[in-house]
């Protein structure tokens, strides 16, 4: 009985430690959303891009990103308010594992990354949108890793 209690206490300690980390990531991500919206409203798209994670620039170039946000701004206008509709935290291991009969388990490469995803219901001057922000954590800061926006108001009529 004592062993089960010890295992349960250890499990709670491990899970609670993870909760603190996830909550901290959430707080940093929420700050990132506010900063993104402030820069978006000011038309400072290059600053958003420059502050993003290097992985963000692999999926879109600066001119493409500026054109995308400019078109979004033309259709939707400035952000009026944004409320969080959900969030989640995750980790990704960059390690590669290989098993061979001769050498056993081999671990190589990469590094672990911590992410936080925030879903927002956002009201713009000219419409509504669902935004999804994915941030990767680096040195205690949330860097934009991916940005998605969905709105029927973005479609040409």
N, C-alpha and C. Protein backbone atom coordinates (compact mmCIF):
# COMPACT_ATOMS: atom_id res chain seq x y z
N UNK A 1 0.83 -1.20 0.00
CA UNK A 1 0.00 0.00 0.00
C UNK A 1 0.87 1.25 0.00
N UNK A 2 1.96 1.20 0.74
CA UNK A 2 2.86 2.34 0.82
C UNK A 2 3.51 2.63 -0.54
N UNK A 3 3.82 1.58 -1.30
CA UNK A 3 4.44 1.74 -2.62
C UNK A 3 3.47 2.43 -3.57
N UNK A 4 2.19 2.07 -3.53
CA UNK A 4 1.19 2.69 -4.39
C UNK A 4 1.05 4.16 -4.07
N UNK A 5 1.05 4.52 -2.78
CA UNK A 5 0.96 5.92 -2.38
C UNK A 5 2.16 6.71 -2.88
N UNK A 6 3.34 6.12 -2.79
CA UNK A 6 4.55 6.78 -3.25
C UNK A 6 4.50 6.99 -4.77
N UNK A 7 4.05 6.00 -5.50
CA UNK A 7 3.94 6.12 -6.96
C UNK A 7 2.90 7.18 -7.32
N UNK A 8 1.78 7.20 -6.63
CA UNK A 8 0.74 8.21 -6.88
C UNK A 8 1.28 9.61 -6.61
N UNK A 9 2.00 9.79 -5.51
CA UNK A 9 2.56 11.10 -5.18
C UNK A 9 3.56 11.54 -6.23
N UNK A 10 4.39 10.61 -6.70
CA UNK A 10 5.37 10.92 -7.74
C UNK A 10 4.67 11.31 -9.04
N UNK A 11 3.62 10.59 -9.41
CA UNK A 11 2.87 10.91 -10.63
C UNK A 11 2.25 12.30 -10.54
N UNK A 12 1.68 12.65 -9.41
CA UNK A 12 1.09 13.98 -9.23
C UNK A 12 2.16 15.06 -9.34
N UNK A 13 3.32 14.82 -8.74
CA UNK A 13 4.40 15.81 -8.79
C UNK A 13 4.86 16.03 -10.24
N UNK A 14 4.99 14.96 -11.00
CA UNK A 14 5.42 15.07 -12.39
C UNK A 14 4.36 15.80 -13.20
N UNK A 15 3.10 15.44 -13.04
CA UNK A 15 2.03 16.08 -13.80
C UNK A 15 1.87 17.54 -13.43
N UNK A 16 1.97 17.89 -12.17
CA UNK A 16 1.83 19.29 -11.76
C UNK A 16 2.98 20.13 -12.28
N UNK A 17 4.18 19.57 -12.33
CA UNK A 17 5.32 20.29 -12.91
C UNK A 17 5.07 20.61 -14.36
N UNK A 18 4.49 19.66 -15.09
CA UNK A 18 4.14 19.89 -16.48
C UNK A 18 3.05 20.93 -16.63
N UNK A 19 2.13 20.98 -15.68
CA UNK A 19 1.05 21.98 -15.72
C UNK A 19 1.61 23.39 -15.60
N UNK A 20 2.58 23.56 -14.71
CA UNK A 20 3.19 24.88 -14.55
C UNK A 20 3.86 25.33 -15.84
N UNK A 21 4.58 24.40 -16.47
CA UNK A 21 5.24 24.72 -17.73
C UNK A 21 4.22 25.08 -18.80
N UNK A 22 3.15 24.31 -18.89
CA UNK A 22 2.12 24.57 -19.88
C UNK A 22 1.45 25.92 -19.62
N UNK A 23 1.17 26.21 -18.36
CA UNK A 23 0.54 27.48 -18.02
C UNK A 23 1.46 28.65 -18.36
N UNK A 24 2.75 28.49 -18.11
CA UNK A 24 3.72 29.54 -18.44
C UNK A 24 3.76 29.76 -19.96
N UNK A 25 3.74 28.66 -20.72
CA UNK A 25 3.72 28.77 -22.18
C UNK A 25 2.45 29.48 -22.64
N UNK A 26 1.33 29.14 -22.00
CA UNK A 26 0.06 29.78 -22.35
C UNK A 26 0.13 31.28 -22.12
N UNK A 27 0.66 31.69 -20.98
CA UNK A 27 0.78 33.12 -20.68
C UNK A 27 1.65 33.83 -21.70
N UNK A 28 2.77 33.22 -22.07
CA UNK A 28 3.66 33.82 -23.06
C UNK A 28 2.99 33.88 -24.43
N UNK A 29 2.26 32.82 -24.78
CA UNK A 29 1.54 32.80 -26.05
C UNK A 29 0.48 33.88 -26.11
N UNK A 30 -0.25 34.07 -25.00
CA UNK A 30 -1.28 35.12 -24.95
C UNK A 30 -0.65 36.50 -25.15
N UNK A 31 0.52 36.71 -24.58
CA UNK A 31 1.23 37.98 -24.81
C UNK A 31 1.60 38.11 -26.28
N UNK A 32 2.00 36.99 -26.89
CA UNK A 32 2.36 37.00 -28.31
C UNK A 32 1.19 37.38 -29.20
N UNK A 33 -0.02 36.92 -28.84
CA UNK A 33 -1.21 37.28 -29.62
C UNK A 33 -1.46 38.78 -29.52
N UNK A 34 -1.36 39.34 -28.32
CA UNK A 34 -1.56 40.78 -28.13
C UNK A 34 -0.54 41.57 -28.95
N UNK A 35 0.72 41.16 -28.89
CA UNK A 35 1.77 41.85 -29.65
C UNK A 35 1.52 41.75 -31.15
N UNK A 36 1.12 40.56 -31.61
CA UNK A 36 0.82 40.38 -33.03
C UNK A 36 -0.27 41.35 -33.46
N UNK A 37 -1.37 41.42 -32.69
CA UNK A 37 -2.48 42.30 -33.05
C UNK A 37 -2.07 43.78 -33.03
N UNK A 38 -1.24 44.18 -32.08
CA UNK A 38 -0.78 45.56 -32.03
C UNK A 38 0.04 45.91 -33.27
N UNK A 39 0.95 45.02 -33.64
CA UNK A 39 1.77 45.25 -34.84
C UNK A 39 0.92 45.18 -36.10
N UNK A 40 -0.03 44.26 -36.15
CA UNK A 40 -0.94 44.14 -37.29
C UNK A 40 -1.72 45.44 -37.47
N UNK A 41 -2.29 45.95 -36.39
CA UNK A 41 -3.08 47.19 -36.48
C UNK A 41 -2.24 48.38 -36.93
N UNK A 42 -0.95 48.36 -36.59
CA UNK A 42 -0.04 49.44 -36.97
C UNK A 42 0.55 49.24 -38.36
N UNK A 43 0.22 48.12 -39.01
CA UNK A 43 0.75 47.83 -40.34
C UNK A 43 2.22 47.44 -40.33
N UNK A 44 2.72 46.99 -39.20
CA UNK A 44 4.14 46.63 -39.08
C UNK A 44 4.33 45.13 -39.33
N UNK A 45 4.02 44.70 -40.53
CA UNK A 45 4.06 43.29 -40.88
C UNK A 45 5.48 42.74 -40.90
N UNK A 46 6.45 43.56 -41.33
CA UNK A 46 7.85 43.12 -41.36
C UNK A 46 8.36 42.87 -39.95
N UNK A 47 7.89 43.65 -38.97
CA UNK A 47 8.29 43.43 -37.58
C UNK A 47 7.74 42.12 -37.04
N UNK A 48 6.52 41.78 -37.43
CA UNK A 48 5.95 40.49 -37.03
C UNK A 48 6.82 39.37 -37.58
N UNK A 49 7.16 39.48 -38.85
CA UNK A 49 7.97 38.46 -39.53
C UNK A 49 9.35 38.35 -38.89
N UNK A 50 9.97 39.48 -38.61
CA UNK A 50 11.32 39.49 -38.05
C UNK A 50 11.36 38.88 -36.65
N UNK A 51 10.29 39.04 -35.88
CA UNK A 51 10.25 38.52 -34.52
C UNK A 51 9.85 37.05 -34.46
N UNK A 52 9.42 36.48 -35.59
CA UNK A 52 8.96 35.10 -35.64
C UNK A 52 10.13 34.13 -35.59
N UNK A 53 9.82 32.87 -35.30
CA UNK A 53 10.81 31.80 -35.31
C UNK A 53 11.34 31.62 -36.73
N UNK A 54 12.57 31.16 -36.85
CA UNK A 54 13.18 30.94 -38.17
C UNK A 54 12.36 29.95 -39.00
N UNK A 55 11.69 29.01 -38.35
CA UNK A 55 10.86 28.04 -39.06
C UNK A 55 9.68 28.69 -39.77
N UNK A 56 9.23 29.82 -39.27
CA UNK A 56 8.13 30.55 -39.90
C UNK A 56 8.54 31.02 -41.29
N UNK A 57 9.75 31.49 -41.43
CA UNK A 57 10.26 32.00 -42.70
C UNK A 57 10.53 30.93 -43.73
N UNK A 58 10.48 29.66 -43.33
CA UNK A 58 10.66 28.58 -44.30
C UNK A 58 9.39 28.31 -45.08
N UNK A 59 8.24 28.71 -44.51
CA UNK A 59 6.98 28.42 -45.17
C UNK A 59 6.44 29.60 -45.99
N UNK A 60 6.97 30.80 -45.74
CA UNK A 60 6.50 31.99 -46.44
C UNK A 60 7.62 33.03 -46.44
N UNK A 61 7.74 33.77 -47.52
CA UNK A 61 8.76 34.81 -47.58
C UNK A 61 8.19 36.10 -46.98
N UNK A 62 9.07 37.04 -46.67
CA UNK A 62 8.63 38.33 -46.14
C UNK A 62 7.68 39.04 -47.10
N UNK A 63 8.01 39.16 -48.40
CA UNK A 63 7.06 39.83 -49.31
C UNK A 63 5.69 39.13 -49.37
N UNK A 64 5.69 37.80 -49.36
CA UNK A 64 4.43 37.06 -49.39
C UNK A 64 3.63 37.32 -48.11
N UNK A 65 4.31 37.34 -46.97
CA UNK A 65 3.66 37.58 -45.69
C UNK A 65 3.07 38.99 -45.64
N UNK A 66 3.84 39.96 -46.12
CA UNK A 66 3.35 41.34 -46.15
C UNK A 66 2.13 41.46 -47.07
N UNK A 67 2.17 40.81 -48.20
CA UNK A 67 1.05 40.85 -49.14
C UNK A 67 -0.18 40.18 -48.52
N UNK A 68 0.03 39.05 -47.85
CA UNK A 68 -1.06 38.32 -47.19
C UNK A 68 -1.74 39.19 -46.12
N UNK A 69 -0.94 39.76 -45.21
CA UNK A 69 -1.52 40.57 -44.13
C UNK A 69 -2.12 41.87 -44.66
N UNK A 70 -1.53 42.44 -45.69
CA UNK A 70 -2.09 43.65 -46.28
C UNK A 70 -3.47 43.36 -46.88
N UNK A 71 -3.59 42.24 -47.59
CA UNK A 71 -4.88 41.85 -48.17
C UNK A 71 -5.89 41.55 -47.06
N UNK A 72 -5.44 40.89 -46.01
CA UNK A 72 -6.31 40.60 -44.86
C UNK A 72 -6.80 41.91 -44.24
N UNK A 73 -5.88 42.86 -44.08
CA UNK A 73 -6.22 44.15 -43.49
C UNK A 73 -7.21 44.91 -44.37
N UNK A 74 -7.02 44.85 -45.70
CA UNK A 74 -7.94 45.50 -46.62
C UNK A 74 -9.35 44.95 -46.49
N UNK A 75 -9.46 43.65 -46.34
CA UNK A 75 -10.78 42.99 -46.27
C UNK A 75 -11.43 43.10 -44.89
N UNK A 76 -10.61 42.93 -43.82
CA UNK A 76 -11.18 42.85 -42.47
C UNK A 76 -10.98 44.12 -41.64
N UNK A 77 -9.97 44.91 -41.96
CA UNK A 77 -9.67 46.09 -41.17
C UNK A 77 -8.86 45.75 -39.93
N UNK A 78 -8.86 46.67 -38.99
CA UNK A 78 -8.09 46.50 -37.76
C UNK A 78 -8.82 45.56 -36.79
N UNK A 79 -8.03 44.99 -35.89
CA UNK A 79 -8.58 44.15 -34.83
C UNK A 79 -9.27 45.06 -33.81
N UNK A 80 -10.51 44.75 -33.49
CA UNK A 80 -11.26 45.48 -32.48
C UNK A 80 -11.13 44.77 -31.13
N UNK A 81 -11.36 43.47 -31.13
CA UNK A 81 -11.19 42.67 -29.91
C UNK A 81 -10.97 41.21 -30.31
N UNK A 82 -10.33 40.49 -29.41
CA UNK A 82 -10.03 39.08 -29.65
C UNK A 82 -10.18 38.33 -28.34
N UNK A 83 -10.92 37.24 -28.38
CA UNK A 83 -11.08 36.42 -27.18
C UNK A 83 -10.60 35.01 -27.48
N UNK A 84 -9.97 34.44 -26.49
CA UNK A 84 -9.44 33.09 -26.63
C UNK A 84 -10.58 32.08 -26.60
N UNK A 85 -10.55 31.17 -27.56
CA UNK A 85 -11.58 30.12 -27.60
C UNK A 85 -11.01 28.76 -27.26
N UNK A 86 -9.70 28.68 -27.07
CA UNK A 86 -9.06 27.42 -26.69
C UNK A 86 -7.55 27.53 -26.80
N UNK A 87 -6.87 26.63 -26.11
CA UNK A 87 -5.41 26.61 -26.20
C UNK A 87 -4.91 25.22 -25.82
N UNK A 88 -3.67 24.95 -26.22
CA UNK A 88 -3.03 23.68 -25.88
C UNK A 88 -1.53 23.84 -25.92
N UNK A 89 -0.85 22.99 -25.17
CA UNK A 89 0.61 23.00 -25.14
C UNK A 89 1.10 21.61 -25.55
N UNK A 90 2.21 21.59 -26.27
CA UNK A 90 2.77 20.31 -26.70
C UNK A 90 4.28 20.42 -26.78
N UNK A 91 4.92 19.29 -26.86
CA UNK A 91 6.37 19.23 -27.03
C UNK A 91 6.68 18.30 -28.18
N UNK A 92 7.78 18.59 -28.84
CA UNK A 92 8.21 17.78 -29.97
C UNK A 92 9.68 17.46 -29.79
N UNK A 93 10.01 16.22 -29.92
CA UNK A 93 11.41 15.81 -29.82
C UNK A 93 12.01 15.81 -31.21
N UNK A 94 13.15 16.43 -31.33
CA UNK A 94 13.86 16.45 -32.61
C UNK A 94 14.83 15.29 -32.72
N UNK A 95 14.80 14.40 -31.76
CA UNK A 95 15.73 13.28 -31.74
C UNK A 95 15.27 12.18 -32.69
N UNK A 96 16.22 11.49 -33.25
CA UNK A 96 15.96 10.35 -34.11
C UNK A 96 16.41 9.10 -33.38
N UNK A 97 15.56 8.10 -33.38
CA UNK A 97 15.88 6.84 -32.72
C UNK A 97 16.03 5.75 -33.76
N UNK A 98 17.05 4.93 -33.58
CA UNK A 98 17.27 3.79 -34.47
C UNK A 98 17.70 2.60 -33.62
N UNK A 99 17.22 1.44 -34.01
CA UNK A 99 17.57 0.22 -33.28
C UNK A 99 18.21 -0.75 -34.25
N UNK A 100 19.35 -1.28 -33.86
CA UNK A 100 19.98 -2.32 -34.68
C UNK A 100 20.37 -3.47 -33.76
N UNK A 101 20.41 -4.65 -34.32
CA UNK A 101 20.76 -5.85 -33.54
C UNK A 101 22.19 -5.75 -33.01
N UNK A 102 23.09 -5.18 -33.79
CA UNK A 102 24.49 -5.12 -33.39
C UNK A 102 24.77 -4.00 -32.39
N UNK A 103 24.18 -2.83 -32.61
CA UNK A 103 24.53 -1.65 -31.82
C UNK A 103 23.49 -1.27 -30.78
N UNK A 104 22.33 -1.87 -30.80
CA UNK A 104 21.27 -1.51 -29.85
C UNK A 104 20.62 -0.20 -30.23
N UNK A 105 20.12 0.51 -29.22
CA UNK A 105 19.41 1.77 -29.45
C UNK A 105 20.41 2.90 -29.70
N UNK A 106 20.19 3.64 -30.77
CA UNK A 106 21.02 4.78 -31.11
C UNK A 106 20.14 6.03 -31.13
N UNK A 107 20.56 7.07 -30.44
CA UNK A 107 19.82 8.33 -30.42
C UNK A 107 20.71 9.40 -31.04
N UNK A 108 20.13 10.19 -31.96
CA UNK A 108 20.95 11.22 -32.60
C UNK A 108 20.13 12.45 -32.95
N UNK A 109 20.86 13.53 -33.13
CA UNK A 109 20.34 14.76 -33.71
C UNK A 109 19.27 15.50 -32.95
N UNK A 110 18.96 16.68 -33.48
CA UNK A 110 17.82 17.48 -33.07
C UNK A 110 17.77 17.92 -31.63
N UNK A 111 16.76 18.72 -31.34
CA UNK A 111 16.53 19.19 -29.98
C UNK A 111 15.03 19.21 -29.73
N UNK A 112 14.68 19.22 -28.46
CA UNK A 112 13.27 19.26 -28.10
C UNK A 112 12.73 20.68 -28.29
N UNK A 113 11.47 20.77 -28.69
CA UNK A 113 10.81 22.07 -28.84
C UNK A 113 9.49 22.03 -28.10
N UNK A 114 9.17 23.14 -27.44
CA UNK A 114 7.90 23.29 -26.74
C UNK A 114 7.04 24.29 -27.50
N UNK A 115 5.78 23.94 -27.69
CA UNK A 115 4.85 24.76 -28.46
C UNK A 115 3.63 25.11 -27.61
N UNK A 116 2.98 26.20 -27.96
CA UNK A 116 1.67 26.54 -27.42
C UNK A 116 0.82 27.02 -28.60
N UNK A 117 -0.41 26.52 -28.65
CA UNK A 117 -1.35 26.88 -29.70
C UNK A 117 -2.53 27.61 -29.07
N UNK A 118 -2.86 28.77 -29.60
CA UNK A 118 -4.00 29.54 -29.10
C UNK A 118 -4.99 29.76 -30.24
N UNK A 119 -6.24 29.47 -29.98
CA UNK A 119 -7.32 29.73 -30.93
C UNK A 119 -8.06 30.97 -30.44
N UNK A 120 -8.31 31.88 -31.36
CA UNK A 120 -8.93 33.16 -31.01
C UNK A 120 -10.18 33.39 -31.87
N UNK A 121 -11.20 33.95 -31.27
CA UNK A 121 -12.35 34.48 -32.00
C UNK A 121 -12.14 35.98 -32.04
N UNK A 122 -11.91 36.51 -33.23
CA UNK A 122 -11.49 37.90 -33.36
C UNK A 122 -12.50 38.72 -34.15
N UNK A 123 -12.80 39.88 -33.60
CA UNK A 123 -13.68 40.83 -34.27
C UNK A 123 -12.80 41.92 -34.88
N UNK A 124 -12.93 42.08 -36.19
CA UNK A 124 -12.23 43.13 -36.93
C UNK A 124 -13.24 44.23 -37.25
N UNK A 125 -12.76 45.33 -37.79
CA UNK A 125 -13.64 46.44 -38.16
C UNK A 125 -14.72 46.01 -39.17
N UNK A 126 -14.35 45.09 -40.07
CA UNK A 126 -15.26 44.73 -41.16
C UNK A 126 -15.71 43.27 -41.13
N UNK A 127 -15.49 42.57 -40.05
CA UNK A 127 -15.92 41.18 -40.02
C UNK A 127 -15.36 40.40 -38.84
N UNK A 128 -15.65 39.12 -38.85
CA UNK A 128 -15.22 38.20 -37.79
C UNK A 128 -14.27 37.18 -38.40
N UNK A 129 -13.40 36.63 -37.55
CA UNK A 129 -12.48 35.60 -38.02
C UNK A 129 -12.09 34.67 -36.87
N UNK A 130 -11.73 33.47 -37.24
CA UNK A 130 -11.13 32.52 -36.30
C UNK A 130 -9.64 32.51 -36.61
N UNK A 131 -8.83 32.85 -35.62
CA UNK A 131 -7.38 32.87 -35.80
C UNK A 131 -6.76 31.75 -34.98
N UNK A 132 -5.71 31.16 -35.51
CA UNK A 132 -4.93 30.17 -34.79
C UNK A 132 -3.47 30.60 -34.81
N UNK A 133 -2.90 30.70 -33.62
CA UNK A 133 -1.50 31.07 -33.45
C UNK A 133 -0.77 29.87 -32.86
N UNK A 134 0.34 29.51 -33.48
CA UNK A 134 1.22 28.50 -32.89
C UNK A 134 2.54 29.19 -32.61
N UNK A 135 2.96 29.12 -31.34
CA UNK A 135 4.22 29.70 -30.91
C UNK A 135 5.16 28.60 -30.46
N UNK A 136 6.44 28.78 -30.74
CA UNK A 136 7.48 27.89 -30.21
C UNK A 136 8.20 28.68 -29.12
N UNK A 137 8.52 28.01 -28.05
CA UNK A 137 9.15 28.67 -26.91
C UNK A 137 10.67 28.67 -27.10
N UNK A 138 11.27 29.84 -26.92
CA UNK A 138 12.74 29.97 -26.96
C UNK A 138 13.15 30.96 -25.89
N UNK A 139 13.97 30.49 -24.96
CA UNK A 139 14.47 31.34 -23.86
C UNK A 139 13.34 32.06 -23.12
N UNK A 140 12.25 31.35 -22.89
CA UNK A 140 11.14 31.92 -22.13
C UNK A 140 10.22 32.83 -22.92
N UNK A 141 10.46 32.96 -24.22
CA UNK A 141 9.62 33.82 -25.06
C UNK A 141 8.90 32.97 -26.11
N UNK A 142 7.69 33.41 -26.45
CA UNK A 142 6.91 32.74 -27.48
C UNK A 142 7.18 33.39 -28.83
N UNK A 143 7.74 32.62 -29.76
CA UNK A 143 8.02 33.12 -31.11
C UNK A 143 7.00 32.52 -32.07
N UNK A 144 6.44 33.35 -32.92
CA UNK A 144 5.44 32.89 -33.87
C UNK A 144 6.02 31.80 -34.76
N UNK A 145 5.31 30.68 -34.83
CA UNK A 145 5.73 29.54 -35.64
C UNK A 145 4.76 29.31 -36.80
N UNK A 146 3.48 29.63 -36.56
CA UNK A 146 2.47 29.47 -37.59
C UNK A 146 1.28 30.39 -37.28
N UNK A 147 0.66 30.93 -38.31
CA UNK A 147 -0.51 31.78 -38.15
C UNK A 147 -1.54 31.39 -39.20
N UNK A 148 -2.76 31.18 -38.76
CA UNK A 148 -3.86 30.83 -39.67
C UNK A 148 -5.05 31.74 -39.36
N UNK A 149 -5.77 32.11 -40.38
CA UNK A 149 -6.98 32.92 -40.20
C UNK A 149 -8.05 32.36 -41.13
N UNK A 150 -9.26 32.22 -40.60
CA UNK A 150 -10.38 31.73 -41.37
C UNK A 150 -11.55 32.70 -41.21
N UNK A 151 -12.08 33.17 -42.34
CA UNK A 151 -13.22 34.08 -42.30
C UNK A 151 -13.89 34.11 -43.66
N UNK A 152 -15.21 34.00 -43.70
CA UNK A 152 -15.90 34.16 -44.98
C UNK A 152 -15.76 35.57 -45.53
N UNK A 153 -15.42 36.52 -44.66
CA UNK A 153 -15.25 37.91 -45.08
C UNK A 153 -13.96 38.13 -45.88
N UNK A 154 -13.10 37.12 -45.93
CA UNK A 154 -11.87 37.22 -46.73
C UNK A 154 -12.09 36.85 -48.19
N UNK A 155 -13.22 36.24 -48.48
CA UNK A 155 -13.52 35.79 -49.84
C UNK A 155 -14.08 36.96 -50.64
N UNK A 156 -13.55 37.09 -51.87
CA UNK A 156 -14.03 38.17 -52.75
C UNK A 156 -15.47 37.92 -53.11
N UNK A 157 -16.26 38.99 -53.10
CA UNK A 157 -17.68 38.88 -53.45
C UNK A 157 -17.97 39.59 -54.74
